[in-house]
Amino acid sequence: MSFTLIEKHEKDSRANRDGYVTAMQEMMAADPKVCHVDCDLYNCINTAKLEKEFPKQTFNAGIAEADAMGIAAGLAATGRTVFMHSFGCFSSRRAYDQAFMSCAYAKLPVHVLGSDPGVCAAYNGGTHMPFEDMALYMAIPEAVVIDPTDYAMINCLTKKLAASGKFSFMRMVRKGIVKVYEDGSDFEIGKGVTLKEGKDVTIIASGIMVDEALKAEEMLAAEGISAKVIDMFTWKPIDEELIVASAKETGAIVTAENHQVKCGLGSAVAQVVAKNTPVPMEMVGIEDRFGQVGAQNFLQEEYGLTAAHIVEAAKKAISRK
């Protein structure tokens, strides 16, 4: 694993979804057994490019996620590597039984994509705003569950998942988001990434919350508080070794996620901490609420998903040492 961290908090000019599309173009050109199954959302994630360039490897199931999952399973059963995409809410809640039985239980290499997770669904509102998608997939035995950070990570992990031969679920923000890593960075599934070293508290984040965690680290440093920052993009299998080492090193942990804290990243980290090295913990995330309509920055404030909220949680965790 090797990566280069970008120091400036700047939005990527590219659509985040294109990190996936460019990886698929490369893999589909090299291997005719790599396929993409979509749910009438070609234009939403730019996979119309795949349909045009690789019509025999791209399938549109229509607005029918359960059927799409069955198609993906059938393709995988014939020796193909399959990625299936829909809105995060529909590729999780709506097609869950088919994902569980037809794909995971059958041990087929289907890779499910859920786009615009959590508050990233923005103006699509509560019906399209999954705060529980990762929790559902973490409950499936042997599933790999990922919340990637940016374009570079999605591009890398799409290829890593294809090579893994395992059933998986990966979130994907569609539009341009803050760029955290340089292109070409390499990541290992199941291994967290230490972005900043610190001694007073550990902040463990994923997805859009990684940039918020980095901002929080700067805010805490200005007050003389040293924070370690970890990008825990793989929720399952989670990096227990890094969590335990960090708990021993800093003595306090804060998790930050664009997801329900119940059955989410906070819960997964807490299970590791409780078994191995109990330390004060605070969790920044969705607190047992449904989604609503709004701009993403408004929703992050509304649900407490900002650097300021992480700073507050870090101080509280430190005070409990």
Foldseek 3Di string as FASTA:
>chain_A
DFFDWDPDFDWDPFWQLVLQVVLQVVVCVVDVLEAEEEAPCCVQSVCVVVCVVNVVRYYHPHNQLLVSLLVQLVSQVVPGQYEYEDALCCNAVVNPVSCQPSDQVVLGNYEYEHELEFLSCAQVWQVRHAQCRQLRQVPRPPEWEFEAAGSQRSNQVSVVSSVPSGYYYYYTYGGIGTDTTDHPGHDDRQDKDWPFDFAAEEEEEEYNLQVQQVVLQVVVVVVVHTYIYIHQGTLPVHNLVVLLVRCVRRQEYEYAYSHECVSDSVVSSVVSCVVHPPGQYYYQYAHPDTIGHHGSVVVCVVRVRGSVSRNVRSVVRSVRD
